[in-house]
Amino acid sequence: MNINASEFRHDFAIIAGWLPFGTKVLDLGCGHGGLLEYLKS
């Protein structure tokens, strides 16, 4: 999944700001994994 400017989700950026670098994340949701893809980039 490539995240481009038209698909940027500001809530993902906020969540990423809460997590220190190297934090392990378990994403239990009903989406398509976009948050984890964002966090990996």
N, C-alpha and C. Protein backbone atom coordinates (compact mmCIF):
# COMPACT_ATOMS: atom_id res chain seq x y z
N MET A 1 0.84 -1.18 0.00
CA MET A 1 0.00 0.00 0.00
C MET A 1 0.89 1.24 0.00
N ASN A 2 0.71 2.10 -0.95
CA ASN A 2 1.42 3.36 -1.00
C ASN A 2 0.50 4.46 -0.51
N ILE A 3 1.03 5.29 0.36
CA ILE A 3 0.23 6.39 0.89
C ILE A 3 0.65 7.65 0.15
N ASN A 4 -0.28 8.24 -0.59
CA ASN A 4 0.03 9.48 -1.27
C ASN A 4 -0.72 10.63 -0.61
N ALA A 5 -0.46 11.83 -1.07
CA ALA A 5 -1.01 13.02 -0.41
C ALA A 5 -2.54 13.02 -0.40
N SER A 6 -3.18 12.48 -1.42
CA SER A 6 -4.64 12.49 -1.47
C SER A 6 -5.26 11.50 -0.49
N GLU A 7 -4.48 10.51 -0.04
CA GLU A 7 -4.99 9.51 0.89
C GLU A 7 -4.49 9.73 2.31
N PHE A 8 -3.74 10.82 2.56
CA PHE A 8 -3.15 11.05 3.87
C PHE A 8 -4.23 11.19 4.92
N ARG A 9 -4.07 10.46 6.00
CA ARG A 9 -5.03 10.52 7.10
C ARG A 9 -4.36 11.20 8.28
N HIS A 10 -4.89 12.33 8.66
CA HIS A 10 -4.30 13.10 9.75
C HIS A 10 -4.38 12.37 11.08
N ASP A 11 -5.40 11.52 11.26
CA ASP A 11 -5.48 10.76 12.50
C ASP A 11 -4.33 9.77 12.62
N PHE A 12 -3.84 9.23 11.51
CA PHE A 12 -2.69 8.33 11.56
C PHE A 12 -1.46 9.08 12.07
N ALA A 13 -1.28 10.31 11.62
CA ALA A 13 -0.14 11.12 12.06
C ALA A 13 -0.23 11.42 13.55
N ILE A 14 -1.43 11.66 14.05
CA ILE A 14 -1.62 11.92 15.47
C ILE A 14 -1.27 10.68 16.28
N ILE A 15 -1.77 9.53 15.86
CA ILE A 15 -1.49 8.27 16.56
C ILE A 15 0.00 7.98 16.55
N ALA A 16 0.64 8.18 15.40
CA ALA A 16 2.09 7.94 15.30
C ALA A 16 2.85 8.83 16.27
N GLY A 17 2.37 10.03 16.51
CA GLY A 17 3.02 10.94 17.43
C GLY A 17 2.95 10.49 18.88
N TRP A 18 2.00 9.64 19.19
CA TRP A 18 1.86 9.12 20.57
C TRP A 18 2.83 7.99 20.85
N LEU A 19 3.39 7.38 19.80
CA LEU A 19 4.19 6.17 19.95
C LEU A 19 5.68 6.45 19.85
N PRO A 20 6.44 6.08 20.86
CA PRO A 20 7.90 6.22 20.74
C PRO A 20 8.43 5.30 19.64
N PHE A 21 9.53 5.70 19.03
CA PHE A 21 10.14 4.89 17.98
C PHE A 21 10.43 3.49 18.51
N GLY A 22 10.13 2.49 17.73
CA GLY A 22 10.41 1.11 18.10
C GLY A 22 9.30 0.43 18.88
N THR A 23 8.22 1.15 19.15
CA THR A 23 7.10 0.57 19.90
C THR A 23 6.45 -0.54 19.08
N LYS A 24 6.09 -1.62 19.74
CA LYS A 24 5.35 -2.70 19.08
C LYS A 24 3.87 -2.36 19.14
N VAL A 25 3.18 -2.60 18.02
CA VAL A 25 1.78 -2.23 17.90
C VAL A 25 0.98 -3.44 17.45
N LEU A 26 -0.13 -3.67 18.12
CA LEU A 26 -1.09 -4.69 17.70
C LEU A 26 -2.34 -3.94 17.26
N ASP A 27 -2.66 -4.01 15.99
CA ASP A 27 -3.79 -3.30 15.43
C ASP A 27 -4.95 -4.28 15.28
N LEU A 28 -5.93 -4.15 16.15
CA LEU A 28 -7.12 -5.00 16.07
C LEU A 28 -8.27 -4.13 15.59
N GLY A 29 -8.51 -4.15 14.32
CA GLY A 29 -9.54 -3.29 13.78
C GLY A 29 -10.25 -3.97 12.63
N CYS A 30 -11.10 -3.23 12.00
CA CYS A 30 -11.86 -3.79 10.89
C CYS A 30 -11.49 -3.12 9.58
N GLY A 31 -10.34 -2.49 9.55
CA GLY A 31 -9.90 -1.81 8.33
C GLY A 31 -9.03 -2.71 7.46
N HIS A 32 -8.25 -2.08 6.62
CA HIS A 32 -7.41 -2.82 5.68
C HIS A 32 -5.93 -2.78 6.03
N GLY A 33 -5.60 -2.34 7.24
CA GLY A 33 -4.21 -2.32 7.69
C GLY A 33 -3.48 -1.04 7.37
N GLY A 34 -4.19 0.00 7.02
CA GLY A 34 -3.57 1.26 6.66
C GLY A 34 -2.75 1.88 7.77
N LEU A 35 -3.23 1.78 9.01
CA LEU A 35 -2.48 2.35 10.12
C LEU A 35 -1.12 1.68 10.28
N LEU A 36 -1.09 0.37 10.21
CA LEU A 36 0.20 -0.32 10.33
C LEU A 36 1.11 0.01 9.18
N GLU A 37 0.58 0.12 7.98
CA GLU A 37 1.40 0.52 6.83
C GLU A 37 1.97 1.90 7.05
N TYR A 38 1.16 2.81 7.59
CA TYR A 38 1.64 4.17 7.87
C TYR A 38 2.74 4.15 8.90
N LEU A 39 2.56 3.37 9.96
CA LEU A 39 3.55 3.31 11.03
C LEU A 39 4.87 2.69 10.56
N LYS A 40 4.80 1.79 9.61
CA LYS A 40 6.02 1.16 9.08
C LYS A 40 6.83 2.12 8.21
N SER A 41 6.18 3.11 7.64
CA SER A 41 6.88 4.01 6.71
C SER A 41 7.60 5.13 7.43
